[in-house]
């Protein structure tokens, strides 16, 4: 039964995305609009604050489970955060979303990468959003994917590549 709901949900979402892609004037329907208060998530303080708190609590619980499972298997975890277009537009920097996960990473000895500088320091907000994100969406387009890959490579090359194997000495090479 649950499988049917998942399939139905995916079908509805895909039809909505298809419809949205055909709209040229608006690009996004009122039905799909992100509520105004969510533009400042998780820094929002207001009547819907409990939703933010519940969301952060669930996300933290799930991250705790992922971290425990990976640590138990000897797999390193790196957590990467990035700003949504609304946060780029408002210039949000070091907001709760970034500091919340930075603190979680510190508490759990997990590597933390913030992509906020890569997007917030790349020019005027609207140009950055148009260049790196799908229209009316918080996901990166191809240019955004390249921006993220380049940023991770430039700033965290050592963490992304395994250490080189030690070279054999001349004496060891000669004895083979």
C-alpha atoms as a PDB file:
ATOM      1  CA  UNK A   1       0.000   0.000   0.000  1.00  0.00           C
ATOM      2  CA  UNK A   2       2.810   2.432   0.942  1.00  0.00           C
ATOM      3  CA  UNK A   3       4.471   1.731  -2.410  1.00  0.00           C
ATOM      4  CA  UNK A   4       1.361   3.035  -4.195  1.00  0.00           C
ATOM      5  CA  UNK A   5       1.458   6.304  -2.254  1.00  0.00           C
ATOM      6  CA  UNK A   6       5.138   6.791  -3.069  1.00  0.00           C
ATOM      7  CA  UNK A   7       4.475   6.177  -6.760  1.00  0.00           C
ATOM      8  CA  UNK A   8       1.446   8.473  -6.748  1.00  0.00           C
ATOM      9  CA  UNK A   9       3.440  11.191  -4.993  1.00  0.00           C
ATOM     10  CA  UNK A  10       6.262  10.897  -7.540  1.00  0.00           C
ATOM     11  CA  UNK A  11       3.767  11.042 -10.409  1.00  0.00           C
ATOM     12  CA  UNK A  12       2.091  14.175  -9.027  1.00  0.00           C
ATOM     13  CA  UNK A  13       5.450  15.870  -8.439  1.00  0.00           C
ATOM     14  CA  UNK A  14       6.691  15.038 -11.942  1.00  0.00           C
ATOM     15  CA  UNK A  15       3.474  16.272 -13.543  1.00  0.00           C
ATOM     16  CA  UNK A  16       3.738  19.496 -11.541  1.00  0.00           C
ATOM     17  CA  UNK A  17       7.351  19.951 -12.678  1.00  0.00           C
ATOM     18  CA  UNK A  18       6.335  19.319 -16.295  1.00  0.00           C
ATOM     19  CA  UNK A  19       3.519  21.852 -16.004  1.00  0.00           C
ATOM     20  CA  UNK A  20       5.880  24.346 -14.366  1.00  0.00           C
ATOM     21  CA  UNK A  21       8.440  23.924 -17.146  1.00  0.00           C
ATOM     22  CA  UNK A  22       5.766  24.803 -19.718  1.00  0.00           C
ATOM     23  CA  UNK A  23       4.838  28.042 -17.927  1.00  0.00           C
ATOM     24  CA  UNK A  24       6.849  30.915 -19.303  1.00  0.00           C
ATOM     25  CA  UNK A  25       5.473  33.937 -17.465  1.00  0.00           C
ATOM     26  CA  UNK A  26       5.340  32.838 -13.848  1.00  0.00           C
ATOM     27  CA  UNK A  27       7.426  29.669 -13.702  1.00  0.00           C
ATOM     28  CA  UNK A  28       5.986  28.596 -10.380  1.00  0.00           C
ATOM     29  CA  UNK A  29       2.412  28.328  -9.182  1.00  0.00           C
ATOM     30  CA  UNK A  30       1.012  29.790  -5.984  1.00  0.00           C
ATOM     31  CA  UNK A  31       0.462  26.206  -4.860  1.00  0.00           C
ATOM     32  CA  UNK A  32       4.192  25.477  -5.130  1.00  0.00           C
ATOM     33  CA  UNK A  33       5.355  28.795  -3.648  1.00  0.00           C
ATOM     34  CA  UNK A  34       7.615  28.500  -0.622  1.00  0.00           C
ATOM     35  CA  UNK A  35       5.845  30.205   2.297  1.00  0.00           C
ATOM     36  CA  UNK A  36       7.307  33.646   3.053  1.00  0.00           C
ATOM     37  CA  UNK A  37       8.365  32.602   6.558  1.00  0.00           C
ATOM     38  CA  UNK A  38      10.380  29.676   5.163  1.00  0.00           C
ATOM     39  CA  UNK A  39      12.645  32.058   3.235  1.00  0.00           C
ATOM     40  CA  UNK A  40      14.444  32.733   6.489  1.00  0.00           C
ATOM     41  CA  UNK A  41      14.520  29.163   7.711  1.00  0.00           C
ATOM     42  CA  UNK A  42      16.053  28.226  10.104  1.00  0.00           C
ATOM     43  CA  UNK A  43      16.576  31.794  11.392  1.00  0.00           C
ATOM     44  CA  UNK A  44      12.816  32.354  11.358  1.00  0.00           C
ATOM     45  CA  UNK A  45      11.178  33.386  14.623  1.00  0.00           C
ATOM     46  CA  UNK A  46       7.411  33.551  14.506  1.00  0.00           C
ATOM     47  CA  UNK A  47       4.187  31.586  14.740  1.00  0.00           C
ATOM     48  CA  UNK A  48       5.581  28.675  12.689  1.00  0.00           C
ATOM     49  CA  UNK A  49       8.797  28.305  14.711  1.00  0.00           C
ATOM     50  CA  UNK A  50       7.718  24.905  15.983  1.00  0.00           C
ATOM     51  CA  UNK A  51       7.899  23.545  12.425  1.00  0.00           C
ATOM     52  CA  UNK A  52      11.504  24.706  12.161  1.00  0.00           C
ATOM     53  CA  UNK A  53      12.356  23.138  15.513  1.00  0.00           C
ATOM     54  CA  UNK A  54      10.639  19.861  14.598  1.00  0.00           C
ATOM     55  CA  UNK A  55      12.430  19.780  11.236  1.00  0.00           C
ATOM     56  CA  UNK A  56      15.825  20.413  12.794  1.00  0.00           C
ATOM     57  CA  UNK A  57      15.183  17.796  15.470  1.00  0.00           C
ATOM     58  CA  UNK A  58      14.233  15.154  12.889  1.00  0.00           C
ATOM     59  CA  UNK A  59      17.191  16.059  10.683  1.00  0.00           C
ATOM     60  CA  UNK A  60      19.579  15.856  13.654  1.00  0.00           C
ATOM     61  CA  UNK A  61      18.196  12.470  14.690  1.00  0.00           C
ATOM     62  CA  UNK A  62      18.632  11.121  11.168  1.00  0.00           C
ATOM     63  CA  UNK A  63      22.158  12.548  10.916  1.00  0.00           C
ATOM     64  CA  UNK A  64      22.984  10.919  14.270  1.00  0.00           C
ATOM     65  CA  UNK A  65      21.876   7.558  12.856  1.00  0.00           C
ATOM     66  CA  UNK A  66      23.854   8.025   9.632  1.00  0.00           C
ATOM     67  CA  UNK A  67      26.965   9.084  11.549  1.00  0.00           C
ATOM     68  CA  UNK A  68      26.765   6.090  13.914  1.00  0.00           C
ATOM     69  CA  UNK A  69      26.287   3.632  11.061  1.00  0.00           C
ATOM     70  CA  UNK A  70      29.168   5.061   9.028  1.00  0.00           C
ATOM     71  CA  UNK A  71      31.486   5.266  12.035  1.00  0.00           C
ATOM     72  CA  UNK A  72      30.649   1.631  12.866  1.00  0.00           C
ATOM     73  CA  UNK A  73      31.761   0.671   9.354  1.00  0.00           C
ATOM     74  CA  UNK A  74      34.902   2.823   9.471  1.00  0.00           C
ATOM     75  CA  UNK A  75      33.608   5.251   6.830  1.00  0.00           C
ATOM     76  CA  UNK A  76      34.382   8.956   7.183  1.00  0.00           C
ATOM     77  CA  UNK A  77      31.533  11.443   6.910  1.00  0.00           C
ATOM     78  CA  UNK A  78      31.694  14.990   5.555  1.00  0.00           C
ATOM     79  CA  UNK A  79      28.678  17.263   5.893  1.00  0.00           C
ATOM     80  CA  UNK A  80      28.259  19.995   3.274  1.00  0.00           C
ATOM     81  CA  UNK A  81      25.828  22.917   3.637  1.00  0.00           C
ATOM     82  CA  UNK A  82      24.840  25.440   0.995  1.00  0.00           C
ATOM     83  CA  UNK A  83      22.510  28.437   0.842  1.00  0.00           C
ATOM     84  CA  UNK A  84      19.112  28.335  -0.798  1.00  0.00           C
ATOM     85  CA  UNK A  85      18.391  31.023  -3.395  1.00  0.00           C
ATOM     86  CA  UNK A  86      16.279  32.897  -0.816  1.00  0.00           C
ATOM     87  CA  UNK A  87      19.267  33.012   1.517  1.00  0.00           C
ATOM     88  CA  UNK A  88      21.532  34.243  -1.279  1.00  0.00           C
ATOM     89  CA  UNK A  89      18.967  36.924  -2.081  1.00  0.00           C
ATOM     90  CA  UNK A  90      18.829  38.082   1.551  1.00  0.00           C
ATOM     91  CA  UNK A  91      22.618  37.785   2.033  1.00  0.00           C
ATOM     92  CA  UNK A  92      22.224  35.354   4.925  1.00  0.00           C
ATOM     93  CA  UNK A  93      25.643  34.457   6.287  1.00  0.00           C
ATOM     94  CA  UNK A  94      26.462  32.416   9.347  1.00  0.00           C
ATOM     95  CA  UNK A  95      22.787  31.920  10.008  1.00  0.00           C
ATOM     96  CA  UNK A  96      21.454  29.188  12.184  1.00  0.00           C
ATOM     97  CA  UNK A  97      21.392  26.620   9.377  1.00  0.00           C
ATOM     98  CA  UNK A  98      25.116  26.936   8.912  1.00  0.00           C
ATOM     99  CA  UNK A  99      26.094  27.215  12.583  1.00  0.00           C
ATOM    100  CA  UNK A 100      23.681  24.466  13.682  1.00  0.00           C
ATOM    101  CA  UNK A 101      25.366  21.902  11.424  1.00  0.00           C
ATOM    102  CA  UNK A 102      28.872  23.247  12.094  1.00  0.00           C
ATOM    103  CA  UNK A 103      28.254  22.667  15.810  1.00  0.00           C
ATOM    104  CA  UNK A 104      26.835  19.203  15.150  1.00  0.00           C
ATOM    105  CA  UNK A 105      29.960  18.325  13.154  1.00  0.00           C
ATOM    106  CA  UNK A 106      32.220  19.583  15.940  1.00  0.00           C
ATOM    107  CA  UNK A 107      30.305  17.520  18.527  1.00  0.00           C
ATOM    108  CA  UNK A 108      30.545  14.384  16.360  1.00  0.00           C
ATOM    109  CA  UNK A 109      34.087  14.949  15.009  1.00  0.00           C
ATOM    110  CA  UNK A 110      32.734  15.086  11.442  1.00  0.00           C
ATOM    111  CA  UNK A 111      34.282  17.149   8.647  1.00  0.00           C
ATOM    112  CA  UNK A 112      32.208  20.237   7.809  1.00  0.00           C
ATOM    113  CA  UNK A 113      32.187  22.149   4.521  1.00  0.00           C
ATOM    114  CA  UNK A 114      30.239  25.372   4.003  1.00  0.00           C
ATOM    115  CA  UNK A 115      29.459  26.378   0.424  1.00  0.00           C
ATOM    116  CA  UNK A 116      27.981  29.699   1.574  1.00  0.00           C
ATOM    117  CA  UNK A 117      31.085  31.680   0.535  1.00  0.00           C
ATOM    118  CA  UNK A 118      31.108  30.049  -2.911  1.00  0.00           C
ATOM    119  CA  UNK A 119      27.641  31.436  -3.634  1.00  0.00           C
ATOM    120  CA  UNK A 120      27.413  34.567  -1.486  1.00  0.00           C
ATOM    121  CA  UNK A 121      30.761  35.969  -2.639  1.00  0.00           C
ATOM    122  CA  UNK A 122      30.306  35.317  -6.364  1.00  0.00           C
ATOM    123  CA  UNK A 123      28.494  38.493  -7.378  1.00  0.00           C
ATOM    124  CA  UNK A 124      25.051  40.075  -7.209  1.00  0.00           C
ATOM    125  CA  UNK A 125      22.458  37.723  -5.746  1.00  0.00           C
ATOM    126  CA  UNK A 126      20.084  37.592  -8.717  1.00  0.00           C
ATOM    127  CA  UNK A 127      22.905  36.844 -11.147  1.00  0.00           C
ATOM    128  CA  UNK A 128      24.250  34.098  -8.886  1.00  0.00           C
ATOM    129  CA  UNK A 129      20.785  32.541  -8.576  1.00  0.00           C
ATOM    130  CA  UNK A 130      20.144  32.689 -12.325  1.00  0.00           C
ATOM    131  CA  UNK A 131      23.570  31.298 -13.104  1.00  0.00           C
ATOM    132  CA  UNK A 132      23.705  28.389 -10.649  1.00  0.00           C
ATOM    133  CA  UNK A 133      20.138  27.275  -9.809  1.00  0.00           C
ATOM    134  CA  UNK A 134      17.201  25.863 -11.733  1.00  0.00           C
ATOM    135  CA  UNK A 135      14.483  28.457 -12.169  1.00  0.00           C
ATOM    136  CA  UNK A 136      12.321  28.740  -9.055  1.00  0.00           C
ATOM    137  CA  UNK A 137      14.106  25.830  -7.395  1.00  0.00           C
ATOM    138  CA  UNK A 138      16.713  25.336  -4.666  1.00  0.00           C
ATOM    139  CA  UNK A 139      18.680  22.745  -6.678  1.00  0.00           C
ATOM    140  CA  UNK A 140      21.774  23.488  -8.736  1.00  0.00           C
ATOM    141  CA  UNK A 141      21.744  23.420 -12.489  1.00  0.00           C
ATOM    142  CA  UNK A 142      24.768  22.194 -14.480  1.00  0.00           C
ATOM    143  CA  UNK A 143      26.742  25.407 -13.820  1.00  0.00           C
ATOM    144  CA  UNK A 144      25.909  25.090 -10.115  1.00  0.00           C
ATOM    145  CA  UNK A 145      27.130  21.503 -10.036  1.00  0.00           C
ATOM    146  CA  UNK A 146      30.390  22.603 -11.658  1.00  0.00           C
ATOM    147  CA  UNK A 147      30.713  25.512  -9.173  1.00  0.00           C
ATOM    148  CA  UNK A 148      30.291  23.137  -6.232  1.00  0.00           C
ATOM    149  CA  UNK A 149      32.726  20.559  -7.636  1.00  0.00           C
ATOM    150  CA  UNK A 150      35.344  23.230  -8.318  1.00  0.00           C
ATOM    151  CA  UNK A 151      34.888  24.751  -4.860  1.00  0.00           C
ATOM    152  CA  UNK A 152      35.222  21.385  -3.142  1.00  0.00           C
ATOM    153  CA  UNK A 153      38.236  20.532  -5.255  1.00  0.00           C
ATOM    154  CA  UNK A 154      39.992  23.862  -4.680  1.00  0.00           C
ATOM    155  CA  UNK A 155      39.330  24.083  -0.948  1.00  0.00           C
ATOM    156  CA  UNK A 156      39.326  20.446   0.122  1.00  0.00           C
ATOM    157  CA  UNK A 157      41.516  18.615  -2.353  1.00  0.00           C
ATOM    158  CA  UNK A 158      43.438  16.793   0.377  1.00  0.00           C
ATOM    159  CA  UNK A 159      40.233  15.543   1.993  1.00  0.00           C
ATOM    160  CA  UNK A 160      38.824  14.352  -1.339  1.00  0.00           C
ATOM    161  CA  UNK A 161      41.834  12.346  -2.461  1.00  0.00           C
ATOM    162  CA  UNK A 162      43.350   9.388  -0.649  1.00  0.00           C
ATOM    163  CA  UNK A 163      46.923   9.951   0.500  1.00  0.00           C
ATOM    164  CA  UNK A 164      49.545   8.785  -2.007  1.00  0.00           C
ATOM    165  CA  UNK A 165      51.100   5.407  -1.366  1.00  0.00           C
ATOM    166  CA  UNK A 166      54.670   5.611  -0.045  1.00  0.00           C
ATOM    167  CA  UNK A 167      57.289   5.116  -2.735  1.00  0.00           C
ATOM    168  CA  UNK A 168      59.673   2.206  -2.432  1.00  0.00           C
ATOM    169  CA  UNK A 169      63.289   3.059  -1.786  1.00  0.00           C
ATOM    170  CA  UNK A 170      65.988   2.255  -4.384  1.00  0.00           C
ATOM    171  CA  UNK A 171      67.122  -0.643  -2.261  1.00  0.00           C
ATOM    172  CA  UNK A 172      63.576  -2.094  -2.082  1.00  0.00           C
ATOM    173  CA  UNK A 173      63.105  -1.640  -5.857  1.00  0.00           C
ATOM    174  CA  UNK A 174      66.425  -3.372  -6.538  1.00  0.00           C
ATOM    175  CA  UNK A 175      65.510  -6.413  -4.438  1.00  0.00           C
ATOM    176  CA  UNK A 176      62.357  -7.200  -6.428  1.00  0.00           C
END
